[in-house]
């Protein structure tokens, strides 16, 4: 009985001290907030390549963008694109697939150097992994035409015995054309990466040249063989490096 009597006060003391001991133990420490030293991504400044598809064929270009704000940027774009007449029809001849375009007189290439403005759309309503935009651009375009065939007599018609030059065969015998053009397009960039992004653009591109471009032969069967205005729908894919 003496042992029980002596143990009861000790048990009571332990019961009273247990809550105080629990209160004195340090609780879990919440992890310290890591400041976002980079700030919110804007995706507005960068440089990269563009792959272009028009009614006239494929083109390649480069683009440089500079952000003015979180939704607006300026850009400069230069590209190399073919120019054709919509009446041109290409045919394959022979086993090795030699091509010929009846009534074609000259090749033509265009190098537009355009500056423009890009406006991001719906920034507050759409997540950053999908960034739609509107673009307007314009500026000078350099054109270059060179012979499709060896016009030995200079009559503008491919006579019997006048061979085709090939794409680069007559390149050194060409002449320049100057023009002005512009592009109106919409598109979107994809991804959250701060280093790279890719985008798709759809729009319309038009260019007017001050001198006629002689694409077709001077043939009685060809009405208006020259051309000044080149207009085409445009689809391009952009691959950009951001900083």
C-alpha atoms as a PDB file:
ATOM      1  CA  UNK A   1       0.000   0.000   0.000  1.00  0.00           C
ATOM      2  CA  UNK A   2       2.888   2.362   0.759  1.00  0.00           C
ATOM      3  CA  UNK A   3       4.225   1.914  -2.758  1.00  0.00           C
ATOM      4  CA  UNK A   4       0.848   2.843  -4.262  1.00  0.00           C
ATOM      5  CA  UNK A   5       0.480   5.887  -2.013  1.00  0.00           C
ATOM      6  CA  UNK A   6       3.928   7.182  -2.995  1.00  0.00           C
ATOM      7  CA  UNK A   7       3.358   6.603  -6.720  1.00  0.00           C
ATOM      8  CA  UNK A   8       0.086   8.507  -7.043  1.00  0.00           C
ATOM      9  CA  UNK A   9       1.564  12.033  -6.622  1.00  0.00           C
ATOM     10  CA  UNK A  10       4.250  11.191  -9.181  1.00  0.00           C
ATOM     11  CA  UNK A  11       1.641  10.098 -11.711  1.00  0.00           C
ATOM     12  CA  UNK A  12      -0.351  13.286 -11.166  1.00  0.00           C
ATOM     13  CA  UNK A  13       2.757  15.421 -11.700  1.00  0.00           C
ATOM     14  CA  UNK A  14       3.575  13.632 -14.964  1.00  0.00           C
ATOM     15  CA  UNK A  15       0.005  14.054 -16.217  1.00  0.00           C
ATOM     16  CA  UNK A  16       0.094  17.798 -15.501  1.00  0.00           C
ATOM     17  CA  UNK A  17       3.526  18.315 -17.054  1.00  0.00           C
ATOM     18  CA  UNK A  18       2.766  16.395 -20.282  1.00  0.00           C
ATOM     19  CA  UNK A  19       0.704  19.200 -21.958  1.00  0.00           C
ATOM     20  CA  UNK A  20       3.255  21.815 -20.950  1.00  0.00           C
ATOM     21  CA  UNK A  21       6.033  19.691 -22.406  1.00  0.00           C
ATOM     22  CA  UNK A  22       4.149  19.323 -25.679  1.00  0.00           C
ATOM     23  CA  UNK A  23       3.620  23.080 -25.876  1.00  0.00           C
ATOM     24  CA  UNK A  24       7.313  23.719 -25.347  1.00  0.00           C
ATOM     25  CA  UNK A  25       8.356  21.475 -28.324  1.00  0.00           C
ATOM     26  CA  UNK A  26       9.082  23.447 -31.521  1.00  0.00           C
ATOM     27  CA  UNK A  27       6.495  22.819 -34.242  1.00  0.00           C
ATOM     28  CA  UNK A  28       7.224  22.199 -37.945  1.00  0.00           C
ATOM     29  CA  UNK A  29       8.909  25.176 -39.581  1.00  0.00           C
ATOM     30  CA  UNK A  30       7.259  26.236 -42.871  1.00  0.00           C
ATOM     31  CA  UNK A  31       9.689  26.378 -45.783  1.00  0.00           C
ATOM     32  CA  UNK A  32      10.960  29.852 -46.562  1.00  0.00           C
ATOM     33  CA  UNK A  33       9.350  31.463 -49.566  1.00  0.00           C
ATOM     34  CA  UNK A  34      11.733  31.513 -52.514  1.00  0.00           C
ATOM     35  CA  UNK A  35      11.529  34.870 -54.263  1.00  0.00           C
ATOM     36  CA  UNK A  36      10.961  34.763 -58.005  1.00  0.00           C
ATOM     37  CA  UNK A  37      14.007  36.773 -58.951  1.00  0.00           C
ATOM     38  CA  UNK A  38      13.273  36.333 -62.646  1.00  0.00           C
ATOM     39  CA  UNK A  39       9.857  37.927 -62.458  1.00  0.00           C
ATOM     40  CA  UNK A  40       6.849  36.878 -64.532  1.00  0.00           C
ATOM     41  CA  UNK A  41       7.690  35.609 -68.021  1.00  0.00           C
ATOM     42  CA  UNK A  42       6.824  37.986 -70.852  1.00  0.00           C
ATOM     43  CA  UNK A  43       8.090  36.002 -73.893  1.00  0.00           C
ATOM     44  CA  UNK A  44       8.462  39.252 -75.827  1.00  0.00           C
ATOM     45  CA  UNK A  45      12.167  39.520 -76.771  1.00  0.00           C
ATOM     46  CA  UNK A  46      14.027  37.005 -78.912  1.00  0.00           C
ATOM     47  CA  UNK A  47      15.346  35.965 -82.327  1.00  0.00           C
ATOM     48  CA  UNK A  48      14.953  32.960 -84.553  1.00  0.00           C
ATOM     49  CA  UNK A  49      13.979  31.365 -87.857  1.00  0.00           C
ATOM     50  CA  UNK A  50      10.757  31.134 -89.834  1.00  0.00           C
ATOM     51  CA  UNK A  51       9.662  28.536 -92.394  1.00  0.00           C
ATOM     52  CA  UNK A  52       7.131  30.047 -94.789  1.00  0.00           C
ATOM     53  CA  UNK A  53       4.570  28.478 -97.121  1.00  0.00           C
ATOM     54  CA  UNK A  54       2.719  30.528 -99.761  1.00  0.00           C
ATOM     55  CA  UNK A  55       0.908  29.861-103.028  1.00  0.00           C
ATOM     56  CA  UNK A  56       4.273  30.386-104.746  1.00  0.00           C
ATOM     57  CA  UNK A  57       6.194  27.804-102.692  1.00  0.00           C
ATOM     58  CA  UNK A  58       8.410  27.584 -99.624  1.00  0.00           C
ATOM     59  CA  UNK A  59      10.530  30.345 -98.142  1.00  0.00           C
ATOM     60  CA  UNK A  60      12.963  30.826 -95.274  1.00  0.00           C
ATOM     61  CA  UNK A  61      13.425  33.824 -93.026  1.00  0.00           C
ATOM     62  CA  UNK A  62      14.807  35.277 -89.848  1.00  0.00           C
ATOM     63  CA  UNK A  63      13.088  37.426 -87.224  1.00  0.00           C
ATOM     64  CA  UNK A  64      14.262  39.686 -84.378  1.00  0.00           C
ATOM     65  CA  UNK A  65      11.782  40.835 -81.689  1.00  0.00           C
ATOM     66  CA  UNK A  66      12.157  43.508 -78.997  1.00  0.00           C
ATOM     67  CA  UNK A  67       9.592  43.797 -76.233  1.00  0.00           C
ATOM     68  CA  UNK A  68       8.054  47.176 -75.462  1.00  0.00           C
ATOM     69  CA  UNK A  69       5.755  45.890 -72.713  1.00  0.00           C
ATOM     70  CA  UNK A  70       4.249  42.647 -71.453  1.00  0.00           C
ATOM     71  CA  UNK A  71       1.856  42.584 -74.415  1.00  0.00           C
ATOM     72  CA  UNK A  72       3.501  44.586 -77.214  1.00  0.00           C
ATOM     73  CA  UNK A  73       6.728  44.093 -79.145  1.00  0.00           C
ATOM     74  CA  UNK A  74       8.393  45.402 -82.272  1.00  0.00           C
ATOM     75  CA  UNK A  75       9.960  43.019 -84.767  1.00  0.00           C
ATOM     76  CA  UNK A  76      12.043  42.988 -87.937  1.00  0.00           C
ATOM     77  CA  UNK A  77      11.723  40.091 -90.376  1.00  0.00           C
ATOM     78  CA  UNK A  78      13.676  39.251 -93.533  1.00  0.00           C
ATOM     79  CA  UNK A  79      12.934  36.286 -95.776  1.00  0.00           C
ATOM     80  CA  UNK A  80      13.644  34.765 -99.176  1.00  0.00           C
ATOM     81  CA  UNK A  81      10.571  33.724-101.175  1.00  0.00           C
ATOM     82  CA  UNK A  82       9.782  32.649-104.746  1.00  0.00           C
ATOM     83  CA  UNK A  83       7.431  34.618-106.950  1.00  0.00           C
ATOM     84  CA  UNK A  84       5.294  33.024-109.646  1.00  0.00           C
ATOM     85  CA  UNK A  85       2.409  33.704-111.971  1.00  0.00           C
ATOM     86  CA  UNK A  86      -0.742  31.782-111.063  1.00  0.00           C
ATOM     87  CA  UNK A  87      -0.977  30.634-114.701  1.00  0.00           C
ATOM     88  CA  UNK A  88       2.288  28.688-114.500  1.00  0.00           C
ATOM     89  CA  UNK A  89       1.879  24.917-114.678  1.00  0.00           C
ATOM     90  CA  UNK A  90       4.772  22.565-114.057  1.00  0.00           C
ATOM     91  CA  UNK A  91       5.063  19.230-115.882  1.00  0.00           C
ATOM     92  CA  UNK A  92       7.421  16.305-115.317  1.00  0.00           C
ATOM     93  CA  UNK A  93       9.069  14.776-118.368  1.00  0.00           C
ATOM     94  CA  UNK A  94      11.109  11.594-118.648  1.00  0.00           C
ATOM     95  CA  UNK A  95      12.132   8.864-116.234  1.00  0.00           C
ATOM     96  CA  UNK A  96      14.335  11.147-114.123  1.00  0.00           C
ATOM     97  CA  UNK A  97      11.575  13.689-113.575  1.00  0.00           C
ATOM     98  CA  UNK A  98      12.847  16.627-115.628  1.00  0.00           C
ATOM     99  CA  UNK A  99      10.452  19.532-115.188  1.00  0.00           C
ATOM    100  CA  UNK A 100       9.249  22.079-117.701  1.00  0.00           C
ATOM    101  CA  UNK A 101       6.848  25.042-117.372  1.00  0.00           C
ATOM    102  CA  UNK A 102       5.263  25.999-120.696  1.00  0.00           C
ATOM    103  CA  UNK A 103       5.307  29.736-121.538  1.00  0.00           C
ATOM    104  CA  UNK A 104       7.584  30.548-118.574  1.00  0.00           C
ATOM    105  CA  UNK A 105      10.126  33.268-119.351  1.00  0.00           C
ATOM    106  CA  UNK A 106      11.891  34.137-116.077  1.00  0.00           C
ATOM    107  CA  UNK A 107      12.426  32.953-112.547  1.00  0.00           C
ATOM    108  CA  UNK A 108      11.714  35.466-109.804  1.00  0.00           C
ATOM    109  CA  UNK A 109      12.742  35.716-106.161  1.00  0.00           C
ATOM    110  CA  UNK A 110      11.704  38.195-103.475  1.00  0.00           C
ATOM    111  CA  UNK A 111      13.513  39.350-100.333  1.00  0.00           C
ATOM    112  CA  UNK A 112      11.195  41.451 -98.141  1.00  0.00           C
ATOM    113  CA  UNK A 113      12.702  43.369 -95.223  1.00  0.00           C
ATOM    114  CA  UNK A 114       9.736  44.323 -93.072  1.00  0.00           C
ATOM    115  CA  UNK A 115       9.310  45.952 -89.679  1.00  0.00           C
ATOM    116  CA  UNK A 116       6.139  45.659 -87.665  1.00  0.00           C
ATOM    117  CA  UNK A 117       4.317  45.493 -84.375  1.00  0.00           C
ATOM    118  CA  UNK A 118       3.041  42.411 -82.566  1.00  0.00           C
ATOM    119  CA  UNK A 119       0.222  42.612 -80.018  1.00  0.00           C
ATOM    120  CA  UNK A 120      -0.429  39.720 -77.655  1.00  0.00           C
ATOM    121  CA  UNK A 121      -4.142  38.965 -77.242  1.00  0.00           C
ATOM    122  CA  UNK A 122      -6.164  37.891 -74.181  1.00  0.00           C
ATOM    123  CA  UNK A 123      -3.141  37.843 -71.845  1.00  0.00           C
ATOM    124  CA  UNK A 124      -5.258  38.002 -68.677  1.00  0.00           C
ATOM    125  CA  UNK A 125      -7.693  35.321 -69.828  1.00  0.00           C
ATOM    126  CA  UNK A 126      -5.420  32.614 -71.310  1.00  0.00           C
ATOM    127  CA  UNK A 127      -2.559  30.713 -69.692  1.00  0.00           C
ATOM    128  CA  UNK A 128       1.001  31.498 -70.773  1.00  0.00           C
ATOM    129  CA  UNK A 129       1.452  28.176 -72.561  1.00  0.00           C
ATOM    130  CA  UNK A 130      -0.815  29.497 -75.363  1.00  0.00           C
ATOM    131  CA  UNK A 131      -0.171  33.097 -76.423  1.00  0.00           C
ATOM    132  CA  UNK A 132      -2.260  34.341 -79.379  1.00  0.00           C
ATOM    133  CA  UNK A 133      -1.135  37.486 -81.177  1.00  0.00           C
ATOM    134  CA  UNK A 134      -1.905  39.906 -84.002  1.00  0.00           C
ATOM    135  CA  UNK A 135       0.851  41.176 -86.319  1.00  0.00           C
ATOM    136  CA  UNK A 136       1.046  44.055 -88.786  1.00  0.00           C
ATOM    137  CA  UNK A 137       4.251  44.617 -90.790  1.00  0.00           C
ATOM    138  CA  UNK A 138       5.461  46.414 -93.891  1.00  0.00           C
ATOM    139  CA  UNK A 139       8.505  47.693 -95.713  1.00  0.00           C
ATOM    140  CA  UNK A 140      10.641  47.428 -98.858  1.00  0.00           C
ATOM    141  CA  UNK A 141      11.041  44.283-100.942  1.00  0.00           C
ATOM    142  CA  UNK A 142      13.927  43.529-103.288  1.00  0.00           C
ATOM    143  CA  UNK A 143      13.033  41.363-106.280  1.00  0.00           C
ATOM    144  CA  UNK A 144      15.360  39.633-108.743  1.00  0.00           C
ATOM    145  CA  UNK A 145      14.388  38.039-112.052  1.00  0.00           C
ATOM    146  CA  UNK A 146      16.639  35.805-114.156  1.00  0.00           C
ATOM    147  CA  UNK A 147      16.156  33.783-117.370  1.00  0.00           C
ATOM    148  CA  UNK A 148      14.286  30.506-117.473  1.00  0.00           C
ATOM    149  CA  UNK A 149      15.705  29.671-120.919  1.00  0.00           C
ATOM    150  CA  UNK A 150      18.497  30.906-123.186  1.00  0.00           C
ATOM    151  CA  UNK A 151      16.700  33.518-125.277  1.00  0.00           C
ATOM    152  CA  UNK A 152      19.347  33.679-128.024  1.00  0.00           C
ATOM    153  CA  UNK A 153      17.396  35.992-130.357  1.00  0.00           C
ATOM    154  CA  UNK A 154      15.930  38.131-127.549  1.00  0.00           C
ATOM    155  CA  UNK A 155      12.346  37.900-128.774  1.00  0.00           C
ATOM    156  CA  UNK A 156      10.966  36.835-125.369  1.00  0.00           C
ATOM    157  CA  UNK A 157       9.742  33.488-126.726  1.00  0.00           C
ATOM    158  CA  UNK A 158      11.367  30.100-126.346  1.00  0.00           C
ATOM    159  CA  UNK A 159      12.073  29.002-129.902  1.00  0.00           C
ATOM    160  CA  UNK A 160      13.207  25.590-131.051  1.00  0.00           C
ATOM    161  CA  UNK A 161      16.793  24.913-130.026  1.00  0.00           C
ATOM    162  CA  UNK A 162      16.824  27.384-127.097  1.00  0.00           C
ATOM    163  CA  UNK A 163      17.679  25.262-124.032  1.00  0.00           C
ATOM    164  CA  UNK A 164      16.429  25.720-120.487  1.00  0.00           C
ATOM    165  CA  UNK A 165      18.888  27.442-118.183  1.00  0.00           C
ATOM    166  CA  UNK A 166      18.025  25.562-115.014  1.00  0.00           C
ATOM    167  CA  UNK A 167      17.318  27.242-111.676  1.00  0.00           C
ATOM    168  CA  UNK A 168      20.797  28.773-111.321  1.00  0.00           C
ATOM    169  CA  UNK A 169      22.065  28.537-114.898  1.00  0.00           C
ATOM    170  CA  UNK A 170      21.122  32.083-115.860  1.00  0.00           C
ATOM    171  CA  UNK A 171      21.285  33.632-112.410  1.00  0.00           C
ATOM    172  CA  UNK A 172      24.111  35.988-113.378  1.00  0.00           C
ATOM    173  CA  UNK A 173      22.063  37.504-116.219  1.00  0.00           C
ATOM    174  CA  UNK A 174      19.208  38.825-114.110  1.00  0.00           C
ATOM    175  CA  UNK A 175      17.916  42.236-113.084  1.00  0.00           C
ATOM    176  CA  UNK A 176      16.562  43.756-109.878  1.00  0.00           C
ATOM    177  CA  UNK A 177      13.108  45.079-109.069  1.00  0.00           C
ATOM    178  CA  UNK A 178      12.139  47.262-106.108  1.00  0.00           C
ATOM    179  CA  UNK A 179       8.806  47.177-104.367  1.00  0.00           C
ATOM    180  CA  UNK A 180       6.829  47.735-101.194  1.00  0.00           C
ATOM    181  CA  UNK A 181       4.840  45.152 -99.309  1.00  0.00           C
ATOM    182  CA  UNK A 182       3.031  44.296 -96.114  1.00  0.00           C
ATOM    183  CA  UNK A 183       1.660  41.442 -94.032  1.00  0.00           C
ATOM    184  CA  UNK A 184      -1.394  41.134 -91.792  1.00  0.00           C
ATOM    185  CA  UNK A 185      -1.526  37.956 -89.741  1.00  0.00           C
ATOM    186  CA  UNK A 186      -2.687  36.224 -86.574  1.00  0.00           C
ATOM    187  CA  UNK A 187      -1.068  33.343 -84.745  1.00  0.00           C
ATOM    188  CA  UNK A 188       0.038  31.919 -81.434  1.00  0.00           C
ATOM    189  CA  UNK A 189       3.182  30.868 -79.575  1.00  0.00           C
ATOM    190  CA  UNK A 190       3.261  27.704 -77.483  1.00  0.00           C
ATOM    191  CA  UNK A 191       5.061  26.596 -74.297  1.00  0.00           C
ATOM    192  CA  UNK A 192       6.172  28.085 -70.969  1.00  0.00           C
ATOM    193  CA  UNK A 193       9.934  27.890 -71.473  1.00  0.00           C
ATOM    194  CA  UNK A 194      11.848  31.102 -70.856  1.00  0.00           C
ATOM    195  CA  UNK A 195      14.562  30.003 -73.302  1.00  0.00           C
ATOM    196  CA  UNK A 196      12.784  28.841 -76.475  1.00  0.00           C
ATOM    197  CA  UNK A 197       9.358  28.984 -78.057  1.00  0.00           C
ATOM    198  CA  UNK A 198       7.632  27.946 -81.247  1.00  0.00           C
ATOM    199  CA  UNK A 199       4.689  29.503 -83.013  1.00  0.00           C
ATOM    200  CA  UNK A 200       2.316  29.259 -85.946  1.00  0.00           C
ATOM    201  CA  UNK A 201       1.208  32.260 -88.006  1.00  0.00           C
ATOM    202  CA  UNK A 202      -1.520  32.569 -90.670  1.00  0.00           C
ATOM    203  CA  UNK A 203      -2.087  35.696 -92.717  1.00  0.00           C
ATOM    204  CA  UNK A 204      -1.905  37.484 -96.045  1.00  0.00           C
ATOM    205  CA  UNK A 205       1.206  38.935 -97.698  1.00  0.00           C
ATOM    206  CA  UNK A 206       1.191  41.383-100.607  1.00  0.00           C
ATOM    207  CA  UNK A 207       3.929  43.202-102.552  1.00  0.00           C
ATOM    208  CA  UNK A 208       3.768  45.797-105.329  1.00  0.00           C
ATOM    209  CA  UNK A 209       6.776  46.319-107.636  1.00  0.00           C
ATOM    210  CA  UNK A 210       7.393  49.619-109.391  1.00  0.00           C
ATOM    211  CA  UNK A 211       8.643  47.893-112.572  1.00  0.00           C
ATOM    212  CA  UNK A 212       6.866  44.992-114.289  1.00  0.00           C
ATOM    213  CA  UNK A 213       8.177  41.515-113.579  1.00  0.00           C
ATOM    214  CA  UNK A 214       8.403  39.536-116.835  1.00  0.00           C
ATOM    215  CA  UNK A 215       7.328  36.051-115.786  1.00  0.00           C
ATOM    216  CA  UNK A 216       5.715  34.716-118.997  1.00  0.00           C
ATOM    217  CA  UNK A 217       6.695  34.690-122.658  1.00  0.00           C
ATOM    218  CA  UNK A 218       5.741  37.495-125.031  1.00  0.00           C
ATOM    219  CA  UNK A 219       3.370  35.094-126.736  1.00  0.00           C
ATOM    220  CA  UNK A 220       0.134  36.051-128.538  1.00  0.00           C
ATOM    221  CA  UNK A 221      -1.600  33.359-126.485  1.00  0.00           C
ATOM    222  CA  UNK A 222      -0.564  35.030-123.218  1.00  0.00           C
ATOM    223  CA  UNK A 223      -2.545  38.037-122.070  1.00  0.00           C
ATOM    224  CA  UNK A 224      -0.529  40.472-119.914  1.00  0.00           C
ATOM    225  CA  UNK A 225       2.658  38.393-119.466  1.00  0.00           C
ATOM    226  CA  UNK A 226       4.083  40.833-116.899  1.00  0.00           C
ATOM    227  CA  UNK A 227       3.082  41.267-113.287  1.00  0.00           C
ATOM    228  CA  UNK A 228       3.502  43.996-110.661  1.00  0.00           C
ATOM    229  CA  UNK A 229       1.464  42.799-107.676  1.00  0.00           C
ATOM    230  CA  UNK A 230       2.123  39.544-105.817  1.00  0.00           C
ATOM    231  CA  UNK A 231      -0.443  38.592-103.205  1.00  0.00           C
ATOM    232  CA  UNK A 232      -0.754  35.276-101.407  1.00  0.00           C
ATOM    233  CA  UNK A 233      -1.995  33.641 -98.210  1.00  0.00           C
ATOM    234  CA  UNK A 234       0.856  32.946 -95.813  1.00  0.00           C
ATOM    235  CA  UNK A 235       1.432  30.173 -93.292  1.00  0.00           C
ATOM    236  CA  UNK A 236       4.679  30.202 -91.314  1.00  0.00           C
ATOM    237  CA  UNK A 237       6.238  28.297 -88.435  1.00  0.00           C
ATOM    238  CA  UNK A 238       8.550  30.220 -86.081  1.00  0.00           C
ATOM    239  CA  UNK A 239      11.337  28.802 -83.875  1.00  0.00           C
ATOM    240  CA  UNK A 240      12.658  31.463 -81.460  1.00  0.00           C
ATOM    241  CA  UNK A 241      15.343  31.800 -78.801  1.00  0.00           C
ATOM    242  CA  UNK A 242      14.175  34.036 -75.928  1.00  0.00           C
ATOM    243  CA  UNK A 243      16.140  36.209 -73.509  1.00  0.00           C
END
